[in-house]
Amino acid sequence: MKGNTSQKILDFIEDKGQATGNDLTGYLSITSRAVRKQLNKLLSEGKLYKVGKPPKVFYLLSKQKSIANKYDIEPSLKKSIDDNFLVITPSGERLEGSQGFIYWCNKQKLGVEKTALEYGRTLKKYIPYKKNGLIDGMYKLKNTFDKIYLDKIFYLDFYSIERFGKTKLGQLLLYAKQSQDKSLIKELASQIRPKVESLIESFDVDAVGFIPPTVKREIQFMQELERNLNLSLPSLKIVKVKTPIIVPQKTLNKLADRIENARDTIMVNDARQYKTLLLLDDALGSGATLNETAKKIKKQKLAENIIGLAITGSFSGFEVISEV
């Protein structure tokens, strides 16, 4: 009976294109509680996804399809895809791992098995840059600026990789910021917290600082990230000052313009002194914001050592990331 009810729900949504809980309660002539139970089951199986928030929640057929025995992908490669691949569809559906990879390949009109091998080779290209889950960005920073005020700079993953686009962390960061989704920010914070705490322990960090946002949003990503990380360390007060015309960093393509923007609009409003500060930013493009902020902190003698950390960073020569 349960199987019949589930199939009736799927058939109804396929026919109508969408459905609410009330639609299904009336159609099936069962209680709303029974409908919710069936919907939760179908959601967990990946057969449906939902959009909207109560009281306006709609259920749609998922784009995910079962791939069991359909493609000949070597187990270790499949695990690598499952661990690293994420795509957000144009309609906002989140597809992870092999399911997302197959959707992406079909969208690009690419053979799944051949492209999976190429994806595996591409991932291996980036492995040497990671040590203990961190990417050391000092070499590239030294090739970008005449003077470096950061003692170390790391990021947790590349924002994107060749051909396949944004990494899993890059996708989560982009949509957490653009959609101002608190649940995504919480998920992101949960993912990166162990690495942040490990870095704090490794460098004996005694304070943290968060780069303030440059774009006005109702829900500010860095503020939510700080709240969700909930680090047991004092937080240095860093502010973004208002100017007659607000110019977001992401609108500036030239390195010199980004340096000027950071220098003239980001201020350190604190007098407490620390030995080692962990300075966090969301995406590292040119590195101008972190380096200029570190310069101000050191000139005011608020920290002896500054460790920079970005969630993601660009791979090719610290090219500018303008999406986030």
Protein backbone atom coordinates (compact mmCIF):
# COMPACT_ATOMS: atom_id res chain seq x y z
CA MET A 1 0.00 0.00 0.00
CA LYS A 2 2.83 2.37 0.90
CA GLY A 3 4.49 1.71 -2.42
CA ASN A 4 1.20 2.42 -4.21
CA THR A 5 0.77 5.69 -2.32
CA SER A 6 4.31 6.80 -3.14
CA GLN A 7 3.78 6.01 -6.81
CA LYS A 8 0.46 7.87 -6.84
CA ILE A 9 2.25 10.93 -5.46
CA LEU A 10 4.96 10.69 -8.13
CA ASP A 11 2.36 10.21 -10.89
CA PHE A 12 0.31 13.17 -9.63
CA ILE A 13 3.32 15.49 -9.57
CA GLU A 14 4.50 14.28 -12.98
CA ASP A 15 1.05 15.03 -14.40
CA LYS A 16 0.58 18.42 -12.70
CA GLY A 17 4.21 19.53 -12.68
CA GLN A 18 4.04 20.43 -8.99
CA ALA A 19 2.07 19.74 -5.83
CA THR A 20 1.54 21.05 -2.32
CA GLY A 21 0.82 18.93 0.73
CA ASN A 22 -2.80 20.07 0.62
CA ASP A 23 -3.08 19.07 -3.06
CA LEU A 24 -1.96 15.55 -2.20
CA THR A 25 -4.13 15.27 0.91
CA GLY A 26 -7.20 16.05 -1.17
CA TYR A 27 -6.17 13.82 -4.06
CA LEU A 28 -5.28 10.77 -1.95
CA SER A 29 -8.03 11.24 0.66
CA ILE A 30 -5.63 10.50 3.51
CA THR A 31 -4.49 12.53 6.50
CA SER A 32 -1.95 15.32 6.16
CA ARG A 33 0.30 13.41 8.56
CA ALA A 34 0.27 10.37 6.25
CA VAL A 35 1.07 12.62 3.27
CA ARG A 36 4.01 14.20 5.12
CA LYS A 37 5.37 10.76 5.94
CA GLN A 38 5.26 9.73 2.28
CA LEU A 39 6.75 13.03 1.12
CA ASN A 40 9.63 12.77 3.60
CA LYS A 41 10.34 9.26 2.36
CA LEU A 42 10.39 10.38 -1.28
CA LEU A 43 12.59 13.36 -0.38
CA SER A 44 15.08 11.13 1.43
CA GLU A 45 15.18 8.79 -1.57
CA GLY A 46 15.95 11.71 -3.86
CA LYS A 47 12.81 11.22 -5.94
CA LEU A 48 11.37 14.60 -5.01
CA TYR A 49 12.69 17.97 -3.97
CA LYS A 50 10.87 20.91 -2.49
CA VAL A 51 10.98 24.65 -3.06
CA GLY A 52 9.64 27.52 -1.02
CA LYS A 53 9.08 27.96 2.68
CA PRO A 54 6.00 27.35 4.85
CA PRO A 55 3.20 27.98 4.21
CA LYS A 56 4.06 27.96 0.48
CA VAL A 57 6.00 24.75 -0.11
CA PHE A 58 5.85 22.96 -3.46
CA TYR A 59 7.10 19.49 -4.34
CA LEU A 60 8.64 18.67 -7.72
CA LEU A 61 10.10 15.58 -9.33
CA SER A 62 13.82 15.39 -8.78
CA LYS A 63 16.23 15.49 -11.71
CA GLN A 64 18.22 12.77 -9.99
CA LYS A 65 18.05 9.35 -11.59
CA SER A 66 19.27 6.04 -10.28
CA ILE A 67 22.69 5.18 -11.67
CA ALA A 68 22.93 1.68 -10.24
CA ASN A 69 24.78 -0.50 -12.76
CA LYS A 70 24.13 2.04 -15.51
CA TYR A 71 27.68 3.35 -15.89
CA ASP A 72 30.95 1.50 -15.55
CA ILE A 73 32.83 3.81 -13.17
CA GLU A 74 35.66 2.31 -11.13
CA PRO A 75 34.71 2.25 -7.39
CA SER A 76 37.53 4.49 -6.14
CA LEU A 77 36.78 7.03 -8.88
CA LYS A 78 33.07 6.94 -8.06
CA LYS A 79 33.92 7.60 -4.40
CA SER A 80 36.07 10.55 -5.44
CA ILE A 81 33.17 11.96 -7.47
CA ASP A 82 30.74 11.34 -4.60
CA ASP A 83 33.07 13.16 -2.19
CA ASN A 84 33.91 16.15 -4.38
CA PHE A 85 31.21 16.93 -6.93
CA LEU A 86 28.27 19.24 -6.36
CA VAL A 87 26.05 21.10 -8.78
CA ILE A 88 23.18 23.50 -8.15
CA THR A 89 20.65 23.36 -10.98
CA PRO A 90 19.15 26.52 -12.50
CA SER A 91 15.96 25.77 -10.56
CA GLY A 92 17.86 25.55 -7.28
CA GLU A 93 18.01 21.79 -6.82
CA ARG A 94 21.13 20.51 -5.12
CA LEU A 95 22.65 17.44 -6.78
CA GLU A 96 25.69 15.85 -5.15
CA GLY A 97 28.22 13.21 -6.08
CA SER A 98 27.55 10.81 -8.93
CA GLN A 99 23.97 11.99 -9.35
CA GLY A 100 25.11 15.57 -9.84
CA PHE A 101 27.99 14.51 -12.07
CA ILE A 102 25.69 12.59 -14.41
CA TYR A 103 23.27 15.52 -14.54
CA TRP A 104 26.17 17.86 -15.38
CA CYS A 105 27.53 15.53 -18.08
CA ASN A 106 24.10 15.16 -19.69
CA LYS A 107 23.65 18.93 -19.60
CA GLN A 108 27.02 19.38 -21.33
CA LYS A 109 26.28 16.50 -23.74
CA LEU A 110 29.36 14.61 -22.54
CA GLY A 111 29.90 10.89 -22.15
CA VAL A 112 29.70 10.06 -18.45
CA GLU A 113 32.35 7.33 -18.27
CA LYS A 114 34.96 9.16 -20.36
CA THR A 115 34.34 12.44 -18.53
CA ALA A 116 34.60 10.68 -15.16
CA LEU A 117 38.12 9.56 -16.07
CA GLU A 118 39.01 13.13 -17.08
CA TYR A 119 37.57 14.43 -13.80
CA GLY A 120 39.69 11.97 -11.84
CA ARG A 121 42.84 13.07 -13.68
CA THR A 122 41.96 16.72 -13.11
CA LEU A 123 41.50 16.22 -9.37
CA LYS A 124 44.90 14.52 -9.15
CA LYS A 125 46.49 17.60 -10.69
CA TYR A 126 45.45 19.68 -7.68
CA ILE A 127 46.34 17.16 -4.95
CA PRO A 128 50.03 18.26 -4.65
CA TYR A 129 48.92 21.76 -3.66
CA LYS A 130 47.15 20.51 -0.54
CA LYS A 131 48.92 19.55 2.66
CA ASN A 132 46.90 18.55 5.71
CA GLY A 133 43.79 19.92 4.03
CA LEU A 134 45.28 23.38 3.44
CA ILE A 135 46.62 25.17 0.36
CA ASP A 136 49.61 27.41 1.03
CA GLY A 137 49.20 30.67 -0.88
CA MET A 138 52.40 32.45 0.19
CA TYR A 139 54.31 31.70 -3.01
CA LYS A 140 51.65 33.30 -5.18
CA LEU A 141 51.22 36.21 -2.77
CA LYS A 142 54.94 36.97 -2.93
CA ASN A 143 54.69 37.10 -6.70
CA THR A 144 51.81 39.58 -6.48
CA PHE A 145 52.82 42.18 -3.87
CA ASP A 146 56.04 44.06 -3.18
CA LYS A 147 55.54 43.72 0.57
CA ILE A 148 53.63 41.00 2.39
CA TYR A 149 52.11 41.78 5.78
CA LEU A 150 50.68 38.31 6.30
CA ASP A 151 53.05 35.81 7.87
CA LYS A 152 51.13 32.90 6.37
CA ILE A 153 48.18 32.59 4.01
CA PHE A 154 46.10 29.47 3.44
CA TYR A 155 42.86 28.54 1.78
CA LEU A 156 40.80 25.43 2.20
CA ASP A 157 40.13 24.68 -1.45
CA PHE A 158 40.32 26.19 -4.89
CA TYR A 159 37.25 28.15 -5.91
CA SER A 160 37.14 26.38 -9.25
CA ILE A 161 39.13 23.89 -11.31
CA GLU A 162 39.74 23.74 -15.02
CA ARG A 163 36.87 22.58 -17.23
CA PHE A 164 34.66 21.39 -14.36
CA GLY A 165 34.12 24.80 -12.81
CA LYS A 166 33.41 25.53 -9.17
CA THR A 167 34.50 23.03 -6.55
CA LYS A 168 32.07 21.71 -3.97
CA LEU A 169 33.26 24.29 -1.45
CA GLY A 170 33.13 26.98 -4.15
CA GLN A 171 29.51 26.10 -4.94
CA LEU A 172 28.49 26.15 -1.28
CA LEU A 173 30.21 29.49 -0.74
CA LEU A 174 28.66 31.12 -3.80
CA TYR A 175 25.09 30.06 -3.07
CA ALA A 176 25.35 30.58 0.69
CA LYS A 177 26.26 34.21 -0.01
CA GLN A 178 24.01 34.94 -2.96
CA SER A 179 20.92 33.25 -1.54
CA GLN A 180 21.64 34.51 2.00
CA ASP A 181 20.74 31.02 3.15
CA LYS A 182 21.42 30.57 6.87
CA SER A 183 21.22 26.78 6.65
CA LEU A 184 23.91 26.71 3.93
CA ILE A 185 26.13 29.05 5.94
CA LYS A 186 25.67 26.81 8.98
CA GLU A 187 26.58 23.75 6.89
CA LEU A 188 29.65 25.52 5.51
CA ALA A 189 30.75 26.56 9.00
CA SER A 190 30.35 22.99 10.21
CA GLN A 191 32.51 21.71 7.34
CA ILE A 192 35.37 24.15 7.84
CA ARG A 193 35.38 24.36 11.66
CA PRO A 194 37.73 21.37 12.22
CA LYS A 195 40.35 22.87 9.88
CA VAL A 196 40.00 26.32 11.42
CA GLU A 197 40.43 24.89 14.92
CA SER A 198 43.41 22.83 13.78
CA LEU A 199 45.05 25.95 12.36
CA ILE A 200 44.40 27.83 15.61
CA GLU A 201 46.09 25.06 17.57
CA SER A 202 49.03 24.68 15.18
CA PHE A 203 49.96 28.37 15.27
CA ASP A 204 48.93 29.03 18.87
CA VAL A 205 46.44 31.68 17.72
CA ASP A 206 45.08 33.89 20.51
CA ALA A 207 42.59 36.05 18.53
CA VAL A 208 40.60 36.05 15.30
CA GLY A 209 39.44 38.69 12.87
CA PHE A 210 36.80 38.52 10.14
CA ILE A 211 36.99 40.62 6.98
CA PRO A 212 33.78 42.71 6.87
CA PRO A 213 31.41 42.48 3.88
CA THR A 214 31.65 44.96 1.02
CA VAL A 215 28.17 44.32 -0.39
CA LYS A 216 25.10 45.23 1.65
CA ARG A 217 22.90 42.19 2.29
CA GLU A 218 20.12 41.49 4.74
CA ILE A 219 22.02 38.43 5.96
CA GLN A 220 25.77 39.03 5.95
CA PHE A 221 27.77 35.91 5.23
CA MET A 222 30.84 36.72 7.33
CA GLN A 223 28.75 37.71 10.35
CA GLU A 224 26.77 34.47 10.15
CA LEU A 225 29.96 32.50 9.62
CA GLU A 226 31.53 34.03 12.73
CA ARG A 227 28.40 33.25 14.74
CA ASN A 228 28.24 29.64 13.54
CA LEU A 229 31.96 28.95 13.96
CA ASN A 230 31.57 30.15 17.54
CA LEU A 231 35.31 30.20 18.18
CA SER A 232 36.35 30.59 21.81
CA LEU A 233 38.73 33.46 21.06
CA PRO A 234 38.44 37.26 21.18
CA SER A 235 37.48 38.81 17.84
CA LEU A 236 39.29 41.90 16.56
CA LYS A 237 36.90 44.65 15.46
CA ILE A 238 37.32 45.27 11.74
CA VAL A 239 34.79 47.50 9.99
CA LYS A 240 33.87 48.59 6.49
CA VAL A 241 33.31 52.36 6.45
CA LYS A 242 30.59 54.04 4.43
CA THR A 243 31.68 56.14 1.48
CA PRO A 244 29.65 58.57 -0.68
CA ILE A 245 29.39 55.87 -3.34
CA ILE A 246 29.79 52.23 -2.30
CA VAL A 247 32.19 50.35 -4.59
CA PRO A 248 32.17 46.59 -3.89
CA GLN A 249 35.53 44.83 -4.23
CA LYS A 250 34.09 42.35 -6.71
CA THR A 251 33.42 45.14 -9.23
CA LEU A 252 37.13 46.01 -9.42
CA ASN A 253 39.30 44.09 -11.87
CA LYS A 254 42.65 45.82 -11.44
CA LEU A 255 44.88 44.85 -8.53
CA ALA A 256 45.79 48.48 -7.81
CA ASP A 257 42.10 49.38 -7.53
CA ARG A 258 41.45 46.54 -5.12
CA ILE A 259 44.39 47.61 -2.96
CA GLU A 260 43.12 51.21 -2.88
CA ASN A 261 39.59 50.06 -2.05
CA ALA A 262 40.75 47.90 0.86
CA ARG A 263 43.17 50.55 2.14
CA ASP A 264 40.60 53.35 2.20
CA THR A 265 37.43 51.54 3.29
CA ILE A 266 38.44 48.78 5.72
CA MET A 267 39.38 50.03 9.19
CA VAL A 268 40.56 48.35 12.37
CA ASN A 269 38.61 49.73 15.32
CA ASP A 270 40.33 48.04 18.25
CA ALA A 271 43.14 48.64 20.73
CA ARG A 272 43.67 45.13 22.13
CA GLN A 273 47.01 43.52 21.39
CA TYR A 274 47.68 39.88 20.57
CA LYS A 275 50.58 37.68 19.66
CA THR A 276 49.06 35.70 16.78
CA LEU A 277 45.88 36.63 14.91
CA LEU A 278 43.91 34.44 12.51
CA LEU A 279 42.39 36.70 9.82
CA LEU A 280 39.52 35.08 7.90
CA ASP A 281 37.99 35.96 4.53
CA ASP A 282 35.54 34.12 2.29
CA ALA A 283 37.21 34.09 -1.14
CA LEU A 284 40.81 34.96 -1.95
CA GLY A 285 41.23 36.45 -5.40
CA SER A 286 44.01 39.02 -5.56
CA GLY A 287 44.76 38.83 -1.83
CA ALA A 288 44.58 42.63 -1.60
CA THR A 289 41.94 42.78 1.13
CA LEU A 290 43.71 40.39 3.48
CA ASN A 291 47.14 41.93 2.88
CA GLU A 292 45.98 45.54 3.32
CA THR A 293 44.03 44.65 6.47
CA ALA A 294 47.07 42.85 7.86
CA LYS A 295 49.14 45.96 7.10
CA LYS A 296 46.83 48.14 9.21
CA ILE A 297 46.82 45.65 12.08
CA LYS A 298 50.61 45.47 12.16
CA LYS A 299 51.10 49.23 11.83
CA GLN A 300 48.87 49.66 14.87
CA LYS A 301 50.86 46.91 16.62
CA LEU A 302 47.74 44.92 17.40
CA ALA A 303 49.29 41.57 16.45
CA GLU A 304 52.84 40.31 16.06
CA ASN A 305 51.93 37.52 13.66
CA ILE A 306 49.00 37.29 11.26
CA ILE A 307 47.80 34.07 9.66
CA GLY A 308 45.41 34.59 6.75
CA LEU A 309 42.75 32.02 5.91
CA ALA A 310 40.23 32.06 3.07
CA ILE A 311 37.55 29.45 2.45
CA THR A 312 38.43 29.32 -1.25
CA GLY A 313 41.07 30.85 -3.49
CA SER A 314 41.82 31.09 -7.18
CA PHE A 315 44.30 28.73 -8.79
CA SER A 316 45.76 30.76 -11.64
CA GLY A 317 47.95 33.57 -10.41
CA PHE A 318 45.50 34.90 -7.82
CA GLU A 319 43.12 35.97 -10.56
CA VAL A 320 40.19 38.07 -9.38
CA ILE A 321 37.05 36.25 -8.23
CA SER A 322 34.13 38.52 -9.07
CA GLU A 323 31.15 36.26 -8.33
CA VAL A 324 31.40 36.29 -4.54
